[in-house]
Amino acid sequence: MQVNQPSNIIDRVIALERELAAVRKKVGLSSAIITRGGLTLADDSYIKMTDSDGVEILYVGPDSQGKQRFVLRREGGATLMYTAGSSQWGRDYWAMTDSSGRIIVSDSAETGVGLARPWLPVVLYPQFIPHTYTDDPNIGEASGYMSINVSKLAGETTLWEGRASVSHAWMSIDGVWGWAVDQPNVTYRLKLDGTEVGAWNVNAGVVVARQGRYSVAEFVGRDWVKVEVTASATGSGVLACQVLGCYFL
């Protein structure tokens, strides 16, 4: 079968351009350089990148609910970093994960202020000389916790103190509290830069208990914040005051 060929150079050029356009349409854009401008994707368009095995490595665009998301995955498809929306708090957040998908760093979807993970410890140092016992091995230092005689408290007294850079919206403290001897009426307080953020009463025998969450959102972003645990008591006796852990969370 004889195929009619273009009879002049102009027809040949036109035919070649048509064939080239058809090839480009089928193949798509394989490489591009943009100078002095940008690329705009409108109307919920998206960017997706896959590896040689077809595994999605990068996605930027709408999710199934039409909200814009960013997802970056490791080789093989395990999540590395992403943004998501919290149905509980109604606020977007970002997160970085380990290879198992466990969140290791993220901001707070609950408050929109500061971090949610990781929790960061606050180091506190005792500001008192602990009460000592010579005849009862079941109380105080002999039992592994620090305590102080009520007679040593001058009103509200700072027993533990430290400094911190506030990175989270919440704070919690764990420790040994309550009566060690007799039954003093005691109130413990957690303060940041002199402002009370939480208080608790333990009018019972010695207990190991976690106190809080206490909101410290107003302090987020501030450095060298003074953190104190104070105690005030009425009556007589000895009270336990041993900090076991203090965290921003």
C-alpha atoms as a PDB file:
ATOM      1  CA  MET A   1       0.000   0.000   0.000  1.00  0.00           C
ATOM      2  CA  GLN A   2       1.367   3.358  -1.002  1.00  0.00           C
ATOM      3  CA  VAL A   3       1.258   6.120   1.630  1.00  0.00           C
ATOM      4  CA  ASN A   4       0.912   9.658   0.369  1.00  0.00           C
ATOM      5  CA  GLN A   5       3.867  11.774   1.532  1.00  0.00           C
ATOM      6  CA  PRO A   6       3.787  15.559   1.926  1.00  0.00           C
ATOM      7  CA  SER A   7       4.804  17.168  -1.301  1.00  0.00           C
ATOM      8  CA  ASN A   8       6.701  20.129   0.160  1.00  0.00           C
ATOM      9  CA  ILE A   9       8.823  21.088   3.109  1.00  0.00           C
ATOM     10  CA  ILE A  10       6.079  23.100   4.823  1.00  0.00           C
ATOM     11  CA  ASP A  11       3.718  20.141   4.869  1.00  0.00           C
ATOM     12  CA  ARG A  12       6.527  17.961   6.212  1.00  0.00           C
ATOM     13  CA  VAL A  13       7.210  20.386   9.088  1.00  0.00           C
ATOM     14  CA  ILE A  14       3.514  20.577   9.964  1.00  0.00           C
ATOM     15  CA  ALA A  15       3.210  16.798   9.959  1.00  0.00           C
ATOM     16  CA  LEU A  16       6.311  16.441  12.147  1.00  0.00           C
ATOM     17  CA  GLU A  17       4.991  18.949  14.684  1.00  0.00           C
ATOM     18  CA  ARG A  18       1.728  17.038  14.916  1.00  0.00           C
ATOM     19  CA  GLU A  19       3.551  13.777  15.536  1.00  0.00           C
ATOM     20  CA  LEU A  20       5.786  15.379  18.167  1.00  0.00           C
ATOM     21  CA  ALA A  21       2.787  16.866  19.967  1.00  0.00           C
ATOM     22  CA  ALA A  22       1.115  13.440  20.015  1.00  0.00           C
ATOM     23  CA  VAL A  23       4.232  11.846  21.505  1.00  0.00           C
ATOM     24  CA  ARG A  24       4.493  14.517  24.214  1.00  0.00           C
ATOM     25  CA  LYS A  25       0.859  14.031  25.110  1.00  0.00           C
ATOM     26  CA  LYS A  26       1.373  10.304  25.618  1.00  0.00           C
ATOM     27  CA  VAL A  27       4.723  10.499  27.427  1.00  0.00           C
ATOM     28  CA  GLY A  28       4.051  13.537  29.651  1.00  0.00           C
ATOM     29  CA  LEU A  29       6.551  15.981  31.112  1.00  0.00           C
ATOM     30  CA  SER A  30       9.838  14.214  31.825  1.00  0.00           C
ATOM     31  CA  SER A  31      11.915  17.244  32.816  1.00  0.00           C
ATOM     32  CA  ALA A  32      11.316  20.946  33.248  1.00  0.00           C
ATOM     33  CA  ILE A  33      13.070  24.076  34.415  1.00  0.00           C
ATOM     34  CA  ILE A  34      11.134  27.113  35.607  1.00  0.00           C
ATOM     35  CA  THR A  35      12.923  30.451  35.836  1.00  0.00           C
ATOM     36  CA  ARG A  36      11.580  33.770  37.070  1.00  0.00           C
ATOM     37  CA  GLY A  37       8.199  32.274  37.847  1.00  0.00           C
ATOM     38  CA  GLY A  38       6.443  29.441  39.597  1.00  0.00           C
ATOM     39  CA  LEU A  39       4.053  26.551  39.351  1.00  0.00           C
ATOM     40  CA  THR A  40       0.510  26.942  40.614  1.00  0.00           C
ATOM     41  CA  LEU A  41      -1.811  23.972  41.118  1.00  0.00           C
ATOM     42  CA  ALA A  42      -5.411  25.126  41.385  1.00  0.00           C
ATOM     43  CA  ASP A  43      -8.762  23.575  42.243  1.00  0.00           C
ATOM     44  CA  ASP A  44      -7.509  20.855  44.622  1.00  0.00           C
ATOM     45  CA  SER A  45      -4.788  19.586  42.321  1.00  0.00           C
ATOM     46  CA  TYR A  46      -2.038  17.510  43.899  1.00  0.00           C
ATOM     47  CA  ILE A  47       1.606  16.500  43.613  1.00  0.00           C
ATOM     48  CA  LYS A  48       2.520  12.843  43.958  1.00  0.00           C
ATOM     49  CA  MET A  49       5.908  11.141  43.696  1.00  0.00           C
ATOM     50  CA  THR A  50       6.443   7.377  43.545  1.00  0.00           C
ATOM     51  CA  ASP A  51       9.615   5.303  43.591  1.00  0.00           C
ATOM     52  CA  SER A  52      10.688   2.743  40.989  1.00  0.00           C
ATOM     53  CA  ASP A  53       8.407   0.152  42.642  1.00  0.00           C
ATOM     54  CA  GLY A  54       5.356   2.380  42.425  1.00  0.00           C
ATOM     55  CA  VAL A  55       5.332   3.117  46.177  1.00  0.00           C
ATOM     56  CA  GLU A  56       4.098   6.607  46.990  1.00  0.00           C
ATOM     57  CA  ILE A  57       6.945   8.585  48.620  1.00  0.00           C
ATOM     58  CA  LEU A  58       5.549  12.127  48.558  1.00  0.00           C
ATOM     59  CA  TYR A  59       2.017  13.460  48.428  1.00  0.00           C
ATOM     60  CA  VAL A  60       0.873  17.066  48.660  1.00  0.00           C
ATOM     61  CA  GLY A  61      -2.796  17.743  48.050  1.00  0.00           C
ATOM     62  CA  PRO A  62      -6.327  17.031  49.275  1.00  0.00           C
ATOM     63  CA  ASP A  63      -7.222  13.953  51.294  1.00  0.00           C
ATOM     64  CA  SER A  64     -10.465  11.980  51.062  1.00  0.00           C
ATOM     65  CA  GLN A  65     -12.247  14.766  52.967  1.00  0.00           C
ATOM     66  CA  GLY A  66     -10.896  17.532  50.760  1.00  0.00           C
ATOM     67  CA  LYS A  67      -8.423  18.891  53.325  1.00  0.00           C
ATOM     68  CA  GLN A  68      -4.896  19.720  52.200  1.00  0.00           C
ATOM     69  CA  ARG A  69      -2.267  17.282  53.434  1.00  0.00           C
ATOM     70  CA  PHE A  70       1.471  16.682  53.201  1.00  0.00           C
ATOM     71  CA  VAL A  71       2.899  13.158  53.519  1.00  0.00           C
ATOM     72  CA  LEU A  72       6.562  12.152  53.177  1.00  0.00           C
ATOM     73  CA  ARG A  73       7.462   8.457  53.336  1.00  0.00           C
ATOM     74  CA  ARG A  74      10.652   6.466  53.694  1.00  0.00           C
ATOM     75  CA  GLU A  75      12.002   4.088  51.095  1.00  0.00           C
ATOM     76  CA  GLY A  76       9.516   1.241  51.143  1.00  0.00           C
ATOM     77  CA  GLY A  77       6.541   3.363  52.188  1.00  0.00           C
ATOM     78  CA  ALA A  78       6.867   3.795  55.983  1.00  0.00           C
ATOM     79  CA  THR A  79       5.718   7.256  57.078  1.00  0.00           C
ATOM     80  CA  LEU A  80       8.429   9.790  57.928  1.00  0.00           C
ATOM     81  CA  MET A  81       6.541  13.092  58.254  1.00  0.00           C
ATOM     82  CA  TYR A  82       2.967  14.199  57.703  1.00  0.00           C
ATOM     83  CA  THR A  83       0.247  16.695  58.468  1.00  0.00           C
ATOM     84  CA  ALA A  84      -3.216  15.614  59.565  1.00  0.00           C
ATOM     85  CA  GLY A  85      -6.407  16.895  61.092  1.00  0.00           C
ATOM     86  CA  SER A  86      -7.595  15.961  64.571  1.00  0.00           C
ATOM     87  CA  SER A  87     -11.263  14.987  64.607  1.00  0.00           C
ATOM     88  CA  GLN A  88     -11.215  15.327  68.400  1.00  0.00           C
ATOM     89  CA  TRP A  89      -9.779  18.838  68.560  1.00  0.00           C
ATOM     90  CA  GLY A  90     -10.715  20.175  65.113  1.00  0.00           C
ATOM     91  CA  ARG A  91      -7.224  21.492  64.462  1.00  0.00           C
ATOM     92  CA  ASP A  92      -4.484  20.434  62.047  1.00  0.00           C
ATOM     93  CA  TYR A  93      -1.121  19.250  63.331  1.00  0.00           C
ATOM     94  CA  TRP A  94       2.204  18.023  61.953  1.00  0.00           C
ATOM     95  CA  ALA A  95       4.156  14.992  63.086  1.00  0.00           C
ATOM     96  CA  MET A  96       7.422  13.128  62.529  1.00  0.00           C
ATOM     97  CA  THR A  97       7.511   9.367  63.126  1.00  0.00           C
ATOM     98  CA  ASP A  98       9.983   6.544  63.581  1.00  0.00           C
ATOM     99  CA  SER A  99      10.075   3.542  61.235  1.00  0.00           C
ATOM    100  CA  SER A 100       7.211   1.861  63.107  1.00  0.00           C
ATOM    101  CA  GLY A 101       4.937   4.878  62.617  1.00  0.00           C
ATOM    102  CA  ARG A 102       5.156   6.010  66.249  1.00  0.00           C
ATOM    103  CA  ILE A 103       5.033   9.801  66.634  1.00  0.00           C
ATOM    104  CA  ILE A 104       8.305  11.131  68.048  1.00  0.00           C
ATOM    105  CA  VAL A 105       7.790  14.880  67.432  1.00  0.00           C
ATOM    106  CA  SER A 106       4.547  16.756  66.880  1.00  0.00           C
ATOM    107  CA  ASP A 107       2.832  20.005  67.728  1.00  0.00           C
ATOM    108  CA  SER A 108      -0.310  20.197  69.845  1.00  0.00           C
ATOM    109  CA  ALA A 109      -3.611  19.741  68.036  1.00  0.00           C
ATOM    110  CA  GLU A 110      -5.400  20.151  71.349  1.00  0.00           C
ATOM    111  CA  THR A 111      -4.221  23.677  72.145  1.00  0.00           C
ATOM    112  CA  GLY A 112      -2.509  24.875  68.963  1.00  0.00           C
ATOM    113  CA  VAL A 113       0.350  26.017  71.206  1.00  0.00           C
ATOM    114  CA  GLY A 114       3.709  24.311  71.644  1.00  0.00           C
ATOM    115  CA  LEU A 115       4.616  20.651  71.277  1.00  0.00           C
ATOM    116  CA  ALA A 116       2.672  17.511  72.088  1.00  0.00           C
ATOM    117  CA  ARG A 117       5.618  15.089  71.718  1.00  0.00           C
ATOM    118  CA  PRO A 118       8.153  14.354  73.003  1.00  0.00           C
ATOM    119  CA  TRP A 119       7.488  15.023  76.653  1.00  0.00           C
ATOM    120  CA  LEU A 120      10.381  16.984  78.146  1.00  0.00           C
ATOM    121  CA  PRO A 121      11.569  16.688  81.762  1.00  0.00           C
ATOM    122  CA  VAL A 122      11.959  19.637  84.102  1.00  0.00           C
ATOM    123  CA  VAL A 123      14.928  19.254  86.433  1.00  0.00           C
ATOM    124  CA  LEU A 124      14.196  20.400  89.985  1.00  0.00           C
ATOM    125  CA  TYR A 125      16.609  20.684  92.911  1.00  0.00           C
ATOM    126  CA  PRO A 126      15.785  20.500  96.648  1.00  0.00           C
ATOM    127  CA  GLN A 127      15.880  23.809  98.484  1.00  0.00           C
ATOM    128  CA  PHE A 128      15.622  22.376 101.989  1.00  0.00           C
ATOM    129  CA  ILE A 129      17.536  20.181 104.403  1.00  0.00           C
ATOM    130  CA  PRO A 130      15.537  16.949 104.721  1.00  0.00           C
ATOM    131  CA  HIS A 131      14.213  15.823 108.062  1.00  0.00           C
ATOM    132  CA  THR A 132      16.195  12.835 109.366  1.00  0.00           C
ATOM    133  CA  TYR A 133      15.173   9.932 111.576  1.00  0.00           C
ATOM    134  CA  THR A 134      17.331   7.913 113.914  1.00  0.00           C
ATOM    135  CA  ASP A 135      14.797   5.641 115.562  1.00  0.00           C
ATOM    136  CA  ASP A 136      12.186   4.763 112.948  1.00  0.00           C
ATOM    137  CA  PRO A 137      13.467   2.974 109.813  1.00  0.00           C
ATOM    138  CA  ASN A 138      10.067   3.122 108.139  1.00  0.00           C
ATOM    139  CA  ILE A 139       9.822   6.890 107.813  1.00  0.00           C
ATOM    140  CA  GLY A 140      11.517   9.555 105.747  1.00  0.00           C
ATOM    141  CA  GLU A 141      14.998   9.076 104.352  1.00  0.00           C
ATOM    142  CA  ALA A 142      15.153   5.500 105.554  1.00  0.00           C
ATOM    143  CA  SER A 143      12.145   4.734 103.330  1.00  0.00           C
ATOM    144  CA  GLY A 144      13.608   6.447 100.289  1.00  0.00           C
ATOM    145  CA  TYR A 145      11.777   9.771 100.267  1.00  0.00           C
ATOM    146  CA  MET A 146      12.593  13.267 101.508  1.00  0.00           C
ATOM    147  CA  SER A 147      10.522  14.988 104.178  1.00  0.00           C
ATOM    148  CA  ILE A 148      10.506  18.154 106.258  1.00  0.00           C
ATOM    149  CA  ASN A 149       9.221  19.112 109.692  1.00  0.00           C
ATOM    150  CA  VAL A 150       6.295  21.529 109.586  1.00  0.00           C
ATOM    151  CA  SER A 151       8.139  23.719 112.105  1.00  0.00           C
ATOM    152  CA  LYS A 152      10.722  24.432 109.368  1.00  0.00           C
ATOM    153  CA  LEU A 153       8.134  25.956 107.040  1.00  0.00           C
ATOM    154  CA  ALA A 154       7.953  29.744 107.204  1.00  0.00           C
ATOM    155  CA  GLY A 155       4.469  30.067 105.773  1.00  0.00           C
ATOM    156  CA  GLU A 156       4.526  28.967 102.144  1.00  0.00           C
ATOM    157  CA  THR A 157       8.040  27.676 101.520  1.00  0.00           C
ATOM    158  CA  THR A 158       9.826  26.723  98.306  1.00  0.00           C
ATOM    159  CA  LEU A 159      11.021  23.128  98.619  1.00  0.00           C
ATOM    160  CA  TRP A 160      12.052  22.406  95.019  1.00  0.00           C
ATOM    161  CA  GLU A 161      13.220  24.778  92.293  1.00  0.00           C
ATOM    162  CA  GLY A 162      14.591  24.724  88.753  1.00  0.00           C
ATOM    163  CA  ARG A 163      14.635  26.574  85.437  1.00  0.00           C
ATOM    164  CA  ALA A 164      12.996  25.606  82.151  1.00  0.00           C
ATOM    165  CA  SER A 165      12.283  26.624  78.588  1.00  0.00           C
ATOM    166  CA  VAL A 166       8.536  26.106  78.234  1.00  0.00           C
ATOM    167  CA  SER A 167       7.758  24.166  75.075  1.00  0.00           C
ATOM    168  CA  HIS A 168       4.427  22.486  75.883  1.00  0.00           C
ATOM    169  CA  ALA A 169       1.000  23.649  76.957  1.00  0.00           C
ATOM    170  CA  TRP A 170       0.668  21.235  79.866  1.00  0.00           C
ATOM    171  CA  MET A 171       2.685  20.173  82.880  1.00  0.00           C
ATOM    172  CA  SER A 172       2.499  17.303  85.345  1.00  0.00           C
ATOM    173  CA  ILE A 173       4.475  16.330  88.442  1.00  0.00           C
ATOM    174  CA  ASP A 174       4.913  13.004  90.209  1.00  0.00           C
ATOM    175  CA  GLY A 175       6.192  12.516  93.726  1.00  0.00           C
ATOM    176  CA  VAL A 176       5.777  11.419  97.344  1.00  0.00           C
ATOM    177  CA  TRP A 177       3.335  13.562  99.311  1.00  0.00           C
ATOM    178  CA  GLY A 178       1.326  13.583 102.531  1.00  0.00           C
ATOM    179  CA  TRP A 179       1.879  12.910 106.225  1.00  0.00           C
ATOM    180  CA  ALA A 180       5.049  11.262 107.425  1.00  0.00           C
ATOM    181  CA  VAL A 181       4.475  11.988 111.128  1.00  0.00           C
ATOM    182  CA  ASP A 182       1.246  13.195 112.813  1.00  0.00           C
ATOM    183  CA  GLN A 183      -1.435  14.766 110.609  1.00  0.00           C
ATOM    184  CA  PRO A 184      -0.515  18.256 109.400  1.00  0.00           C
ATOM    185  CA  ASN A 185      -2.887  19.944 106.973  1.00  0.00           C
ATOM    186  CA  VAL A 186      -0.640  20.491 103.924  1.00  0.00           C
ATOM    187  CA  THR A 187      -1.041  22.185 100.546  1.00  0.00           C
ATOM    188  CA  TYR A 188       1.501  21.783  97.754  1.00  0.00           C
ATOM    189  CA  ARG A 189       1.715  24.246  94.870  1.00  0.00           C
ATOM    190  CA  LEU A 190       3.406  24.215  91.470  1.00  0.00           C
ATOM    191  CA  LYS A 191       4.459  27.681  90.282  1.00  0.00           C
ATOM    192  CA  LEU A 192       6.009  29.139  87.144  1.00  0.00           C
ATOM    193  CA  ASP A 193       7.714  32.501  87.573  1.00  0.00           C
ATOM    194  CA  GLY A 194       5.749  32.975  90.768  1.00  0.00           C
ATOM    195  CA  THR A 195       2.362  32.220  89.189  1.00  0.00           C
ATOM    196  CA  GLU A 196       0.477  29.248  90.602  1.00  0.00           C
ATOM    197  CA  VAL A 197      -0.458  26.797  87.853  1.00  0.00           C
ATOM    198  CA  GLY A 198      -1.608  23.939  90.079  1.00  0.00           C
ATOM    199  CA  ALA A 199      -2.209  22.997  93.728  1.00  0.00           C
ATOM    200  CA  TRP A 200      -3.108  19.843  95.598  1.00  0.00           C
ATOM    201  CA  ASN A 201      -3.890  18.790  99.159  1.00  0.00           C
ATOM    202  CA  VAL A 202      -2.852  15.412 100.520  1.00  0.00           C
ATOM    203  CA  ASN A 203      -4.408  15.160 103.958  1.00  0.00           C
ATOM    204  CA  ALA A 204      -3.547  11.503 104.365  1.00  0.00           C
ATOM    205  CA  GLY A 205      -0.572   9.284 105.001  1.00  0.00           C
ATOM    206  CA  VAL A 206       2.332   9.133 102.587  1.00  0.00           C
ATOM    207  CA  VAL A 207       1.251   8.504  98.991  1.00  0.00           C
ATOM    208  CA  VAL A 208       3.058   8.323  95.670  1.00  0.00           C
ATOM    209  CA  ALA A 209       0.874  10.206  93.200  1.00  0.00           C
ATOM    210  CA  ARG A 210       0.978  12.148  89.960  1.00  0.00           C
ATOM    211  CA  GLN A 211      -0.529  15.634  90.034  1.00  0.00           C
ATOM    212  CA  GLY A 212      -1.873  17.513  86.993  1.00  0.00           C
ATOM    213  CA  ARG A 213      -2.206  18.121  83.960  1.00  0.00           C
ATOM    214  CA  TYR A 214      -1.848  21.793  84.675  1.00  0.00           C
ATOM    215  CA  SER A 215      -2.120  24.368  81.906  1.00  0.00           C
ATOM    216  CA  VAL A 216       1.063  26.376  81.255  1.00  0.00           C
ATOM    217  CA  ALA A 217       0.078  27.558  77.765  1.00  0.00           C
ATOM    218  CA  GLU A 218       0.636  31.211  78.673  1.00  0.00           C
ATOM    219  CA  PHE A 219       4.324  30.480  79.294  1.00  0.00           C
ATOM    220  CA  VAL A 220       5.053  28.644  76.023  1.00  0.00           C
ATOM    221  CA  GLY A 221       8.044  30.170  74.240  1.00  0.00           C
ATOM    222  CA  ARG A 222       9.528  31.692  77.375  1.00  0.00           C
ATOM    223  CA  ASP A 223      13.028  30.681  78.458  1.00  0.00           C
ATOM    224  CA  TRP A 224      14.638  30.406  81.882  1.00  0.00           C
ATOM    225  CA  VAL A 225      11.267  30.232  83.590  1.00  0.00           C
ATOM    226  CA  LYS A 226      11.512  29.612  87.320  1.00  0.00           C
ATOM    227  CA  VAL A 227       9.700  26.417  88.314  1.00  0.00           C
ATOM    228  CA  GLU A 228       8.913  25.896  91.998  1.00  0.00           C
ATOM    229  CA  VAL A 229       7.201  23.375  94.221  1.00  0.00           C
ATOM    230  CA  THR A 230       6.081  24.994  97.464  1.00  0.00           C
ATOM    231  CA  ALA A 231       4.385  23.701 100.580  1.00  0.00           C
ATOM    232  CA  SER A 232       2.414  25.293 103.372  1.00  0.00           C
ATOM    233  CA  ALA A 233       0.983  23.493 106.364  1.00  0.00           C
ATOM    234  CA  THR A 234      -0.876  23.933 109.614  1.00  0.00           C
ATOM    235  CA  GLY A 235      -0.614  21.738 112.648  1.00  0.00           C
ATOM    236  CA  SER A 236       2.492  19.830 113.623  1.00  0.00           C
ATOM    237  CA  GLY A 237       4.387  16.851 112.345  1.00  0.00           C
ATOM    238  CA  VAL A 238       6.449  15.925 109.318  1.00  0.00           C
ATOM    239  CA  LEU A 239       5.357  16.001 105.695  1.00  0.00           C
ATOM    240  CA  ALA A 240       6.740  14.101 102.725  1.00  0.00           C
ATOM    241  CA  CYS A 241       7.975  16.119  99.752  1.00  0.00           C
ATOM    242  CA  GLN A 242       9.934  14.083  97.238  1.00  0.00           C
ATOM    243  CA  VAL A 243       9.746  14.975  93.544  1.00  0.00           C
ATOM    244  CA  LEU A 244      10.086  11.854  91.393  1.00  0.00           C
ATOM    245  CA  GLY A 245       9.470  13.452  88.016  1.00  0.00           C
ATOM    246  CA  CYS A 246       8.234  16.636  86.415  1.00  0.00           C
ATOM    247  CA  TYR A 247       7.345  16.891  82.724  1.00  0.00           C
ATOM    248  CA  PHE A 248       6.031  19.212  80.063  1.00  0.00           C
ATOM    249  CA  LEU A 249       3.462  17.198  78.135  1.00  0.00           C
END
